[in-house]
Amino acid sequence: MRLAIKTCTLDMPYTEMLDFCAAQGVRAVEIGTGNWSAAPHADLDALVSSETARTRWHDEMRRRGIALCALNCSGNPLAYQKDWDVTEKTFRLAEQLGVEKIVMMSGLPAGCPGDKTPVWITTSWPPETQDILAYQWNDVAIPAWKRLAAMAEDCGIKRIALENHGMQLVYNPETLLRLREAVGPIIGMNLDPSHLFWMGGDPIEAARVLGERGAIYHLHGKDSRPERRMSGPNGMLDTKAIDQFRGRAWNYVSVGAGHGVQWWQEFFSVVRMWGYDGDVALEMEDLTLPMLDGHLASLSTLKAAMVV
């Protein structure tokens, strides 16, 4: 497997970011193009419209021996036209750059025709939840994703790795496989352990389930931790903003601050066992640490666990 970084949280200019990656032995980058990413290292419109801009931008990676492993356009194309537009442009940029993998999220529709607010159903009761789910899946998500998959294939994209994030229609292996069954094998998972931890899942068992179906398309090296002082009495569901970390039931933390090297070694061993030999992209969202310290600590854990 190859160590990568999702660069959005590296608060550095583009070339300085690439120098940091090269110095740390990071051999690939995952670049955000917009939607929920501020896209600090890619001007999507400029890159799509100018071959000269694309060449200069891409050459900065190549001269440092860094690969572009994926473009990331995570947003909600099932609810917002602006997010669909960024997704479509990202697919076009992937075609122009020869990138064959897109990382994104499934999106989440509204709850009924005419509504504009996405609704995440996480329980089977009251009974109207079932009507909402039927509408979201059958009327919105599956038809939209068939269009997105066809668009991606037309752009030479071979894999779309959907992140198992909360407040998305696809948030675990079961929902990923449901969409994949309806749309086709271009869809797989960007397996991010941090989200499964707070949802009460087991990322290692998730890797086994997905591996059996050949559906692990990307990995995020990202960690989270339950904060027992709050999660004990309140449970893990928490709507407080992530910068209120002292009062939350769980937090994103640097890799190793939630689950140590031994856990990550087992996780990587299992995904390798099921045939995944692709990229592991660090995503660092620990707000309790300075940005650079959090990346360095996380890289240290990942390197030790991956034996890179």
Protein backbone atom coordinates (compact mmCIF):
# COMPACT_ATOMS: atom_id res chain seq x y z
CA MET A 1 0.00 0.00 0.00
CA ARG A 2 1.04 3.58 -0.58
CA LEU A 3 0.98 6.39 1.96
CA ALA A 4 -0.91 9.48 0.78
CA ILE A 5 -2.41 12.64 2.23
CA LYS A 6 -5.78 14.25 1.61
CA THR A 7 -4.27 17.69 1.43
CA CYS A 8 -7.24 19.92 2.31
CA THR A 9 -6.21 20.23 5.96
CA LEU A 10 -2.57 21.07 5.20
CA ASP A 11 -2.74 24.83 5.64
CA MET A 12 0.12 25.61 3.24
CA PRO A 13 0.46 27.00 -0.27
CA TYR A 14 0.38 24.36 -3.00
CA THR A 15 4.10 24.00 -3.65
CA GLU A 16 4.96 24.21 0.05
CA MET A 17 2.43 21.45 0.70
CA LEU A 18 4.08 19.27 -1.94
CA ASP A 19 7.51 19.92 -0.43
CA PHE A 20 6.17 18.82 2.97
CA CYS A 21 4.75 15.61 1.46
CA ALA A 22 8.01 14.81 -0.30
CA ALA A 23 10.04 15.43 2.86
CA GLN A 24 7.75 13.08 4.84
CA GLY A 25 7.98 10.26 2.33
CA VAL A 26 4.39 10.68 1.20
CA ARG A 27 4.17 9.34 -2.33
CA ALA A 28 0.67 10.39 -3.38
CA VAL A 29 -1.90 13.10 -2.76
CA GLU A 30 -5.69 13.22 -2.81
CA ILE A 31 -6.77 16.69 -3.88
CA GLY A 32 -10.08 18.31 -2.99
CA THR A 33 -11.75 20.16 -5.85
CA GLY A 34 -14.63 21.91 -4.08
CA ASN A 35 -18.06 21.34 -2.51
CA TRP A 36 -17.34 20.68 1.18
CA SER A 37 -13.63 21.22 0.63
CA ALA A 38 -12.34 24.76 0.33
CA ALA A 39 -10.08 23.30 -2.39
CA PRO A 40 -6.95 25.14 -1.19
CA HIS A 41 -4.69 23.31 -3.63
CA ALA A 42 -6.79 23.27 -6.82
CA ASP A 43 -8.62 25.97 -8.78
CA LEU A 44 -11.18 23.72 -10.43
CA ASP A 45 -12.41 26.20 -13.02
CA ALA A 46 -8.91 27.22 -14.04
CA LEU A 47 -7.69 23.65 -14.29
CA VAL A 48 -10.66 22.47 -16.34
CA SER A 49 -10.45 25.38 -18.76
CA SER A 50 -6.69 25.65 -19.33
CA GLU A 51 -4.33 22.91 -20.51
CA THR A 52 -1.40 25.16 -19.60
CA ALA A 53 -2.66 25.56 -16.04
CA ARG A 54 -3.21 21.82 -15.71
CA THR A 55 0.25 20.97 -16.97
CA ARG A 56 1.99 23.42 -14.66
CA TRP A 57 -0.08 22.26 -11.70
CA HIS A 58 0.49 18.56 -12.37
CA ASP A 59 4.18 19.03 -13.15
CA GLU A 60 4.77 20.36 -9.63
CA MET A 61 3.74 16.92 -8.31
CA ARG A 62 5.62 14.93 -10.91
CA ARG A 63 8.93 16.67 -10.42
CA ARG A 64 8.77 15.71 -6.72
CA GLY A 65 7.87 12.10 -7.49
CA ILE A 66 4.36 12.49 -6.06
CA ALA A 67 1.37 10.80 -7.71
CA LEU A 68 -2.15 12.19 -7.90
CA CYS A 69 -4.07 9.20 -6.54
CA ALA A 70 -7.57 10.69 -6.54
CA LEU A 71 -9.68 13.82 -6.83
CA ASN A 72 -12.16 14.44 -4.02
CA CYS A 73 -15.42 16.30 -4.66
CA SER A 74 -17.39 15.29 -1.56
CA GLY A 75 -20.67 17.18 -1.40
CA ASN A 76 -24.38 16.53 -1.83
CA PRO A 77 -25.16 16.21 -5.55
CA LEU A 78 -28.47 14.53 -4.70
CA ALA A 79 -29.83 17.69 -3.07
CA TYR A 80 -28.00 20.68 -4.54
CA GLN A 81 -27.39 21.57 -8.18
CA LYS A 82 -24.24 23.50 -7.29
CA ASP A 83 -22.73 20.33 -5.81
CA TRP A 84 -23.74 18.36 -8.90
CA ASP A 85 -22.00 20.96 -11.06
CA VAL A 86 -18.73 20.68 -9.09
CA THR A 87 -18.98 16.89 -9.34
CA GLU A 88 -19.43 17.06 -13.10
CA LYS A 89 -16.46 19.43 -13.48
CA THR A 90 -14.34 17.16 -11.29
CA PHE A 91 -15.14 14.21 -13.54
CA ARG A 92 -14.07 16.28 -16.55
CA LEU A 93 -10.84 17.27 -14.82
CA ALA A 94 -10.16 13.62 -14.00
CA GLU A 95 -10.51 12.79 -17.69
CA GLN A 96 -8.12 15.59 -18.66
CA LEU A 97 -5.53 14.47 -16.09
CA GLY A 98 -5.93 10.74 -16.65
CA VAL A 99 -7.11 10.20 -13.06
CA GLU A 100 -9.20 7.04 -12.77
CA LYS A 101 -10.44 7.32 -9.16
CA ILE A 102 -12.82 9.82 -7.58
CA VAL A 103 -13.40 10.03 -3.83
CA MET A 104 -16.73 11.53 -2.78
CA MET A 105 -19.83 10.95 -0.68
CA SER A 106 -23.14 9.52 -1.77
CA GLY A 107 -25.17 12.62 -1.02
CA LEU A 108 -28.50 12.63 0.79
CA PRO A 109 -31.91 13.56 -0.68
CA ALA A 110 -34.69 15.50 0.95
CA GLY A 111 -37.46 13.52 2.58
CA CYS A 112 -40.29 14.01 0.10
CA PRO A 113 -41.11 15.72 -3.20
CA GLY A 114 -40.98 19.50 -2.86
CA ASP A 115 -38.83 19.44 0.26
CA LYS A 116 -35.38 21.05 0.09
CA THR A 117 -33.80 19.82 3.33
CA PRO A 118 -31.79 16.57 3.32
CA VAL A 119 -33.06 14.07 5.89
CA TRP A 120 -30.91 11.31 7.39
CA ILE A 121 -33.03 8.42 8.63
CA THR A 122 -31.28 6.36 11.32
CA THR A 123 -34.22 4.49 12.87
CA SER A 124 -37.19 2.41 11.67
CA TRP A 125 -39.81 4.20 13.77
CA PRO A 126 -42.07 6.20 13.55
CA PRO A 127 -43.45 4.40 10.48
CA GLU A 128 -43.10 7.37 8.12
CA THR A 129 -39.37 6.71 8.13
CA GLN A 130 -39.98 3.85 5.70
CA ASP A 131 -41.80 6.09 3.22
CA ILE A 132 -38.94 8.58 3.38
CA LEU A 133 -36.35 5.88 2.74
CA ALA A 134 -38.30 4.46 -0.19
CA TYR A 135 -38.50 7.91 -1.77
CA GLN A 136 -34.84 8.69 -1.15
CA TRP A 137 -33.55 5.42 -2.56
CA ASN A 138 -35.96 4.56 -5.35
CA ASP A 139 -37.10 7.95 -6.60
CA VAL A 140 -33.93 10.02 -6.15
CA ALA A 141 -30.67 8.27 -5.32
CA ILE A 142 -30.64 5.27 -7.63
CA PRO A 143 -31.71 7.19 -10.78
CA ALA A 144 -29.27 10.03 -9.99
CA TRP A 145 -26.40 7.66 -9.32
CA LYS A 146 -27.02 5.79 -12.55
CA ARG A 147 -26.55 9.15 -14.32
CA LEU A 148 -23.42 9.95 -12.28
CA ALA A 149 -21.94 6.51 -12.97
CA ALA A 150 -22.54 6.85 -16.70
CA MET A 151 -21.00 10.34 -16.67
CA ALA A 152 -17.96 9.03 -14.81
CA GLU A 153 -17.50 6.13 -17.21
CA ASP A 154 -17.67 8.53 -20.15
CA CYS A 155 -14.76 10.41 -18.53
CA GLY A 156 -12.64 7.28 -18.19
CA ILE A 157 -13.17 7.00 -14.43
CA LYS A 158 -12.97 3.40 -13.26
CA ARG A 159 -13.69 3.74 -9.54
CA ILE A 160 -15.84 6.02 -7.41
CA ALA A 161 -14.97 5.55 -3.74
CA LEU A 162 -17.85 6.66 -1.50
CA GLU A 163 -16.93 7.64 2.05
CA ASN A 164 -18.93 6.03 4.86
CA HIS A 165 -19.86 9.37 6.44
CA GLY A 166 -22.81 10.26 8.64
CA MET A 167 -25.66 12.36 7.21
CA GLN A 168 -25.25 10.49 3.91
CA LEU A 169 -27.46 7.87 2.30
CA VAL A 170 -24.39 5.59 2.12
CA TYR A 171 -22.76 5.48 5.55
CA ASN A 172 -21.74 1.83 6.06
CA PRO A 173 -21.03 -1.34 4.05
CA GLU A 174 -24.68 -2.40 3.93
CA THR A 175 -25.85 0.86 2.34
CA LEU A 176 -22.84 0.95 0.02
CA LEU A 177 -23.59 -2.54 -1.26
CA ARG A 178 -27.26 -1.63 -1.78
CA LEU A 179 -26.31 1.27 -4.04
CA ARG A 180 -23.61 -0.76 -5.77
CA GLU A 181 -26.10 -3.53 -6.54
CA ALA A 182 -28.39 -1.00 -8.22
CA VAL A 183 -25.76 1.05 -10.05
CA GLY A 184 -22.83 -1.24 -10.75
CA PRO A 185 -19.25 -2.01 -9.72
CA ILE A 186 -17.91 1.43 -10.59
CA ILE A 187 -19.06 2.22 -7.03
CA GLY A 188 -17.03 1.03 -4.05
CA MET A 189 -16.15 2.37 -0.62
CA ASN A 190 -13.64 4.82 0.70
CA LEU A 191 -13.38 3.04 4.01
CA ASP A 192 -12.79 5.61 6.75
CA PRO A 193 -12.48 3.97 10.19
CA SER A 194 -13.10 7.21 12.10
CA HIS A 195 -16.78 7.36 11.17
CA LEU A 196 -17.52 3.71 11.91
CA PHE A 197 -15.95 4.12 15.35
CA TRP A 198 -18.45 6.75 16.46
CA MET A 199 -21.35 4.93 14.78
CA GLY A 200 -20.60 1.83 16.84
CA GLY A 201 -19.22 -0.25 13.98
CA ASP A 202 -16.05 -2.30 13.59
CA PRO A 203 -13.88 -1.12 10.67
CA ILE A 204 -11.97 -4.42 10.59
CA GLU A 205 -15.17 -6.41 10.15
CA ALA A 206 -16.34 -3.82 7.61
CA ALA A 207 -13.14 -4.47 5.67
CA ARG A 208 -13.91 -8.19 5.63
CA VAL A 209 -17.47 -7.62 4.34
CA LEU A 210 -16.34 -5.18 1.67
CA GLY A 211 -13.30 -7.26 0.77
CA GLU A 212 -15.47 -10.28 0.04
CA ARG A 213 -17.21 -8.18 -2.62
CA GLY A 214 -14.08 -6.51 -3.97
CA ALA A 215 -15.56 -3.19 -2.89
CA ILE A 216 -12.68 -1.47 -1.02
CA TYR A 217 -11.61 1.27 -3.43
CA HIS A 218 -9.77 3.68 -1.12
CA LEU A 219 -8.77 4.10 2.53
CA HIS A 220 -8.68 7.19 4.70
CA GLY A 221 -6.22 7.06 7.56
CA LYS A 222 -8.34 8.92 10.07
CA ASP A 223 -9.06 8.29 13.74
CA SER A 224 -11.73 9.22 16.26
CA ARG A 225 -12.12 8.67 19.98
CA PRO A 226 -15.10 8.37 22.34
CA GLU A 227 -14.87 10.87 25.17
CA ARG A 228 -16.08 8.74 28.06
CA ARG A 229 -16.96 11.66 30.34
CA MET A 230 -19.66 12.67 27.85
CA SER A 231 -20.41 9.49 25.92
CA GLY A 232 -21.00 7.41 29.07
CA PRO A 233 -24.11 9.26 30.25
CA ASN A 234 -25.23 10.61 26.86
CA GLY A 235 -24.39 8.05 24.20
CA MET A 236 -22.44 8.72 21.03
CA LEU A 237 -24.94 10.81 19.10
CA ASP A 238 -23.76 14.41 19.37
CA THR A 239 -24.79 17.55 17.50
CA LYS A 240 -22.29 19.96 19.04
CA ALA A 241 -19.87 21.56 16.58
CA ILE A 242 -16.51 19.82 16.25
CA ASP A 243 -14.64 22.84 17.61
CA GLN A 244 -16.45 22.34 20.94
CA PHE A 245 -14.26 19.30 21.53
CA ARG A 246 -14.15 19.54 25.34
CA GLY A 247 -17.89 18.94 25.56
CA ARG A 248 -18.42 16.37 22.82
CA ALA A 249 -19.15 12.66 23.15
CA TRP A 250 -16.51 11.86 20.53
CA ASN A 251 -13.85 13.70 18.56
CA TYR A 252 -11.73 13.27 15.49
CA VAL A 253 -8.18 12.88 16.72
CA SER A 254 -4.74 12.39 15.23
CA VAL A 255 -4.13 8.83 14.07
CA GLY A 256 -2.98 6.90 17.14
CA ALA A 257 -4.69 9.14 19.71
CA GLY A 258 -7.86 7.07 19.47
CA HIS A 259 -6.56 3.69 18.32
CA GLY A 260 -2.90 2.77 18.59
CA VAL A 261 -0.39 1.27 16.20
CA GLN A 262 -1.43 -2.32 16.97
CA TRP A 263 -5.03 -1.65 15.94
CA TRP A 264 -3.92 0.01 12.71
CA GLN A 265 -1.53 -2.87 11.97
CA GLU A 266 -4.40 -5.34 12.25
CA PHE A 267 -6.64 -3.15 10.08
CA PHE A 268 -4.03 -2.90 7.33
CA SER A 269 -3.31 -6.62 7.60
CA VAL A 270 -6.99 -7.44 7.01
CA VAL A 271 -7.45 -5.08 4.06
CA ARG A 272 -4.29 -6.52 2.50
CA MET A 273 -5.61 -10.03 3.12
CA TRP A 274 -8.68 -9.13 1.08
CA GLY A 275 -6.59 -7.82 -1.80
CA TYR A 276 -6.40 -4.08 -1.21
CA ASP A 277 -2.99 -2.72 -2.12
CA GLY A 278 -3.90 0.86 -2.95
CA ASP A 279 -3.58 4.21 -1.22
CA VAL A 280 -4.02 5.11 2.44
CA ALA A 281 -4.69 8.83 2.56
CA LEU A 282 -4.22 10.59 5.88
CA GLU A 283 -7.08 12.92 6.72
CA MET A 284 -6.23 14.96 9.81
CA GLU A 285 -9.04 16.79 11.61
CA ASP A 286 -7.79 16.87 15.20
CA LEU A 287 -8.61 20.36 16.44
CA THR A 288 -6.86 19.79 19.77
CA LEU A 289 -3.45 19.97 18.06
CA PRO A 290 -1.70 22.52 15.88
CA MET A 291 -2.16 21.58 12.23
CA LEU A 292 1.42 20.56 11.55
CA ASP A 293 1.80 18.60 14.82
CA GLY A 294 -1.36 16.63 14.06
CA HIS A 295 -0.14 15.65 10.60
CA LEU A 296 3.30 14.63 11.85
CA ALA A 297 1.87 12.55 14.71
CA SER A 298 -0.60 10.84 12.38
CA LEU A 299 2.04 10.11 9.75
CA SER A 300 4.27 8.55 12.40
CA THR A 301 1.51 6.12 13.43
CA LEU A 302 0.55 5.26 9.86
CA LYS A 303 4.16 4.64 8.84
CA ALA A 304 4.71 2.36 11.81
CA ALA A 305 1.51 0.42 11.08
CA MET A 306 1.99 0.22 7.30
CA VAL A 307 5.74 -0.53 7.49
CA VAL A 308 6.28 1.82 4.54
